Every structure is written in structure tokens, then in C-alpha cells.
Amino acid sequence: MTQHHDGTGDDLLRHVDTWVFDLDNTLYPAACNLFAQVDRRMTAFIAEAFDLPPTEARALQKQYFRSHGTTLRGLMTEHGVDPTRFLNYVHDIDVSCLPPSPGLDRALAALPGRK
């Protein structure tokens, strides 16, 4: 089957119905250190959830990251942690360092499908 394109490039993406973005320093400046905030929040979540001192919580966080691929996967597998609760907690960070980016806003809004 031959695909026909209108030459604009827009038709090349029409078939995509869901977009997933890895946000770790991809869509925002790394200099903002947003992931460092998320990392600290992961440690705090574990410390609170399991009544651990921060150093032990950090060690557990990194252990789960190494053994399960992500801290969240480890928490879900080993403790049945609700992923929504975890993600909401760890992403409650200060984003005031992010400059407005109207061009990025327009580009993302123009993508078809869910984002």
C-alpha cells in the first residue's frame, strides 16, 4: 500500500493518537534542576510512607531504581504503592524557574491525539 502525503508534513503525524514525553530535561532547561526537586520529593515520600530517616529512604529509593528500573516500579512491586499518589506527590515542585515558551506551547497543542 502506498501512502500519499500532502507535502506539509502534517499528515505524517495524523495516525498518532497518544504522545508520551520523557520530561527529564527534555522540554525544559536542565539548568532549572527540576529533576533534583523530584528526586528529593521521592526520598521524602519514601521517608514519610515507611517512617524512615532520610538517609535510609534515599538508599531504598536508589535500590529500587537499580533493581526495578524505576523507583516507582519498586514501590509498586514491593509495597503496592499507588502510582497516582506517588506521582502527584513527587511532581509537586516549584516550576517558577521555567520561562514562558509560547512556541513550545503552540507546537504541543498542534500535535494530534492525547498528550
Protein backbone atom coordinates (compact mmCIF):
# COMPACT_ATOMS: atom_id res chain seq x y z
CA MET A 1 0.00 0.00 0.00
CA THR A 2 1.35 3.40 -0.94
CA GLN A 3 0.94 6.33 1.39
CA HIS A 4 0.26 9.73 -0.11
CA HIS A 5 1.35 12.86 1.68
CA ASP A 6 0.22 16.42 1.10
CA GLY A 7 3.78 17.70 1.39
CA THR A 8 3.23 19.74 4.53
CA GLY A 9 4.36 17.07 6.95
CA ASP A 10 1.16 17.43 8.97
CA ASP A 11 -0.27 14.22 7.53
CA LEU A 12 2.76 12.27 8.72
CA LEU A 13 1.57 12.56 12.33
CA ARG A 14 -2.19 12.17 11.93
CA HIS A 15 -2.11 8.48 12.78
CA VAL A 16 -0.57 9.13 16.23
CA ASP A 17 -3.27 9.01 18.89
CA THR A 18 -1.13 9.24 22.05
CA TRP A 19 2.10 11.11 22.78
CA VAL A 20 4.39 10.33 25.69
CA PHE A 21 7.11 12.78 26.64
CA ASP A 22 10.06 12.00 28.87
CA LEU A 23 10.18 15.31 30.67
CA ASP A 24 13.51 14.90 32.43
CA ASN A 25 15.36 17.88 30.91
CA THR A 26 13.74 17.35 27.51
CA LEU A 27 11.07 20.05 27.27
CA TYR A 28 12.59 22.45 29.77
CA PRO A 29 16.07 23.82 30.52
CA ALA A 30 18.25 21.43 32.54
CA ALA A 31 19.63 24.45 34.42
CA CYS A 32 16.30 24.68 36.28
CA ASN A 33 17.23 21.48 38.14
CA LEU A 34 13.61 20.36 38.22
CA PHE A 35 14.56 16.70 38.41
CA ALA A 36 16.66 17.41 41.51
CA GLN A 37 13.44 18.60 43.16
CA VAL A 38 11.60 15.47 42.03
CA ASP A 39 14.46 13.33 43.33
CA ARG A 40 14.27 14.98 46.76
CA ARG A 41 10.49 14.52 46.78
CA MET A 42 10.91 10.80 46.04
CA THR A 43 13.17 10.47 49.06
CA ALA A 44 10.69 12.43 51.20
CA PHE A 45 7.79 10.27 50.01
CA ILE A 46 9.61 7.08 50.98
CA ALA A 47 10.70 8.54 54.32
CA GLU A 48 7.12 9.50 55.17
CA ALA A 49 5.49 6.35 53.80
CA PHE A 50 7.77 3.96 55.68
CA ASP A 51 8.77 6.11 58.65
CA LEU A 52 12.44 6.06 57.67
CA PRO A 53 15.19 8.60 58.24
CA PRO A 54 16.12 10.43 55.02
CA THR A 55 19.41 8.54 54.54
CA GLU A 56 17.65 5.16 54.69
CA ALA A 57 14.84 6.40 52.46
CA ARG A 58 17.39 7.61 49.90
CA ALA A 59 19.18 4.24 49.96
CA LEU A 60 15.87 2.41 49.42
CA GLN A 61 14.94 4.80 46.61
CA LYS A 62 18.20 4.10 44.78
CA GLN A 63 17.98 0.36 45.48
CA TYR A 64 14.53 0.22 43.86
CA PHE A 65 15.75 2.31 40.94
CA ARG A 66 18.61 -0.13 40.32
CA SER A 67 16.66 -3.34 40.90
CA HIS A 68 13.34 -2.40 39.26
CA GLY A 69 14.32 0.19 36.65
CA THR A 70 12.40 2.98 38.39
CA THR A 71 11.79 3.90 41.99
CA LEU A 72 8.05 3.81 41.35
CA ARG A 73 8.12 0.27 39.92
CA GLY A 74 9.98 -0.89 43.02
CA LEU A 75 7.48 0.79 45.34
CA MET A 76 4.56 -0.72 43.44
CA THR A 77 6.05 -4.22 43.29
CA GLU A 78 7.44 -4.39 46.80
CA HIS A 79 4.82 -2.36 48.70
CA GLY A 80 1.75 -1.91 46.49
CA VAL A 81 2.20 1.86 46.43
CA ASP A 82 -0.49 3.67 44.43
CA PRO A 83 1.30 5.20 41.43
CA THR A 84 -1.04 8.20 41.21
CA ARG A 85 -0.41 9.10 44.84
CA PHE A 86 3.35 8.80 44.35
CA LEU A 87 3.43 10.76 41.08
CA ASN A 88 1.25 13.55 42.43
CA TYR A 89 3.48 13.86 45.47
CA VAL A 90 6.85 13.81 43.72
CA HIS A 91 5.80 16.22 40.97
CA ASP A 92 4.50 18.85 43.38
CA ILE A 93 7.53 21.06 42.74
CA ASP A 94 8.40 24.72 42.14
CA VAL A 95 8.35 25.41 38.40
CA SER A 96 8.78 29.19 38.67
CA CYS A 97 12.20 28.93 37.02
CA LEU A 98 10.60 27.88 33.74
CA PRO A 99 10.42 30.72 31.24
CA PRO A 100 7.28 31.05 29.13
CA SER A 101 7.62 29.22 25.83
CA PRO A 102 4.75 30.18 23.51
CA GLY A 103 6.39 28.36 20.59
CA LEU A 104 6.59 25.11 22.53
CA ASP A 105 3.01 25.60 23.73
CA ARG A 106 1.84 26.01 20.13
CA ALA A 107 3.87 23.04 18.90
CA LEU A 108 2.49 20.73 21.58
CA ALA A 109 -1.07 21.97 21.09
CA ALA A 110 -0.79 21.29 17.35
CA LEU A 111 0.07 17.62 17.82
CA PRO A 112 -2.89 15.35 17.17
CA GLY A 113 -4.05 12.96 19.85
CA ARG A 114 -3.64 12.81 23.61
CA LYS A 115 -0.60 14.30 25.30
